[in-house]
Protein backbone atom coordinates (compact mmCIF):
# COMPACT_ATOMS: atom_id res chain seq x y z
CA UNK A 1 -0.21 -0.03 -0.01
CA UNK A 2 1.30 3.39 -0.79
CA UNK A 3 1.94 6.15 1.78
CA UNK A 4 1.52 9.80 1.11
CA UNK A 5 4.67 12.07 1.10
CA UNK A 6 2.68 13.94 3.94
CA UNK A 7 2.24 10.91 5.91
CA UNK A 8 6.07 9.54 5.58
CA UNK A 9 7.14 13.39 6.54
CA UNK A 10 5.22 13.65 9.49
CA UNK A 11 6.38 10.22 11.00
CA UNK A 12 10.24 11.56 10.58
CA UNK A 13 11.94 13.31 13.71
CA UNK A 14 11.50 16.85 13.91
CA UNK A 15 15.45 17.39 13.28
CA UNK A 16 15.15 15.30 10.03
CA UNK A 17 12.08 17.07 8.67
CA UNK A 18 13.90 20.91 9.48
CA UNK A 19 17.20 19.02 7.13
CA UNK A 20 14.83 17.89 4.67
CA UNK A 21 12.81 21.32 4.52
CA UNK A 22 16.25 23.21 4.58
CA UNK A 23 17.66 21.27 1.85
CA UNK A 24 14.31 21.75 -0.39
CA UNK A 25 14.99 26.05 0.48
CA UNK A 26 18.64 25.26 -0.73
CA UNK A 27 17.53 23.69 -3.97
CA UNK A 28 14.50 26.08 -4.71
CA UNK A 29 17.16 29.02 -4.54
CA UNK A 30 19.09 27.54 -6.78
CA UNK A 31 16.80 27.36 -9.52
CA UNK A 32 12.87 27.46 -9.50
CA UNK A 33 10.24 29.00 -11.93
CA UNK A 34 7.45 32.00 -10.31
CA UNK A 35 5.27 29.01 -9.91
CA UNK A 36 7.65 26.59 -8.31
CA UNK A 37 8.81 29.51 -6.18
CA UNK A 38 5.35 30.63 -5.03
CA UNK A 39 4.16 26.78 -4.41
CA UNK A 40 7.35 26.20 -2.23
CA UNK A 41 6.38 29.19 -0.25
CA UNK A 42 3.13 27.37 0.16
CA UNK A 43 0.94 30.62 -1.80
CA UNK A 44 -1.95 30.56 -3.76
CA UNK A 45 -2.35 32.32 -7.11
CA UNK A 46 -5.43 33.81 -4.95
CA UNK A 47 -3.56 34.73 -1.99
CA UNK A 48 -0.51 36.76 -4.57
CA UNK A 49 -3.51 38.35 -6.58
CA UNK A 50 -4.65 39.81 -3.52
CA UNK A 51 -1.58 41.24 -2.06
CA UNK A 52 -0.85 42.47 -5.74
CA UNK A 53 -4.37 43.98 -5.75
CA UNK A 54 -4.87 42.24 -9.19
CA UNK A 55 -6.90 39.11 -10.62
CA UNK A 56 -5.53 35.57 -9.84
CA UNK A 57 -5.59 34.75 -13.51
CA UNK A 58 -3.00 37.86 -13.63
CA UNK A 59 -0.55 35.84 -11.49
CA UNK A 60 -1.33 33.09 -14.07
CA UNK A 61 -0.29 34.75 -16.46
CA UNK A 62 2.29 36.44 -14.75
CA UNK A 63 3.92 33.03 -13.58
CA UNK A 64 3.87 31.83 -17.85
CA UNK A 65 5.78 35.07 -18.76
CA UNK A 66 9.15 34.75 -20.33
CA UNK A 67 10.16 38.44 -19.78
CA UNK A 68 8.59 41.31 -17.58
CA UNK A 69 9.59 44.67 -16.07
CA UNK A 70 11.77 44.34 -13.08
CA UNK A 71 9.48 46.06 -11.03
CA UNK A 72 6.47 43.52 -11.55
CA UNK A 73 9.29 41.03 -10.90
CA UNK A 74 9.80 42.77 -7.19
CA UNK A 75 6.37 43.32 -6.85
CA UNK A 76 5.67 39.66 -7.18
CA UNK A 77 8.76 38.38 -5.07
CA UNK A 78 7.57 40.59 -2.17
CA UNK A 79 4.34 39.28 -2.41
CA UNK A 80 5.65 36.44 -0.93
CA UNK A 81 7.30 37.94 1.55
CA UNK A 82 10.50 38.04 -0.35
CA UNK A 83 13.57 40.50 -1.31
CA UNK A 84 14.49 40.66 -4.77
CA UNK A 85 18.50 40.91 -5.76
CA UNK A 86 20.24 41.11 -9.14
CA UNK A 87 23.33 39.58 -8.99
CA UNK A 88 25.59 39.26 -12.20
CA UNK A 89 27.68 36.41 -12.08
CA UNK A 90 31.27 36.53 -13.99
CA UNK A 91 33.78 33.78 -14.14
CA UNK A 92 36.15 34.90 -11.31
CA UNK A 93 33.44 37.31 -8.99
CA UNK A 94 30.20 38.10 -8.83
CA UNK A 95 28.52 41.87 -8.52
CA UNK A 96 24.88 42.64 -6.86
CA UNK A 97 23.28 45.48 -8.96
CA UNK A 98 22.01 47.65 -6.64
CA UNK A 99 20.49 50.18 -8.84
CA UNK A 100 17.12 49.06 -9.07
CA UNK A 101 16.99 49.21 -5.15
CA UNK A 102 15.32 52.82 -5.50
CA UNK A 103 11.62 51.75 -5.50
CA UNK A 104 9.36 52.93 -2.90
CA UNK A 105 8.19 50.41 -0.18
CA UNK A 106 5.35 52.27 0.95
CA UNK A 107 4.18 52.73 -2.94
CA UNK A 108 1.89 50.33 -4.90
CA UNK A 109 3.90 47.23 -6.20
CA UNK A 110 5.91 48.02 -9.26
CA UNK A 111 5.99 51.75 -8.92
CA UNK A 112 9.50 53.57 -8.74
CA UNK A 113 10.00 56.45 -6.19
CA UNK A 114 9.07 59.44 -8.67
CA UNK A 115 6.82 57.84 -10.90
């Protein structure tokens, strides 16, 4: 008889569940689609839509996009409680790009100061 993942995980010791959760986060950090990221954060499209003040269908479309404004992506990430960082990786070093940090945290998602 098959056992569900939730049932299996529930039987594991707490420290083992935490280790598995940490590893899952590490793997997600390495690469994930927006949908996978949202699901890993245990958020529904409806929850994200409410935070962004848009419809659920707009979140679905956003998750399928291959190109978007950084402000749109930043708003999506912030709606899940995260923070967007832009890193340029070169063979011998990485550089954090900071010019996109001028967004107004009190304004609507996706709006830069002065817009």
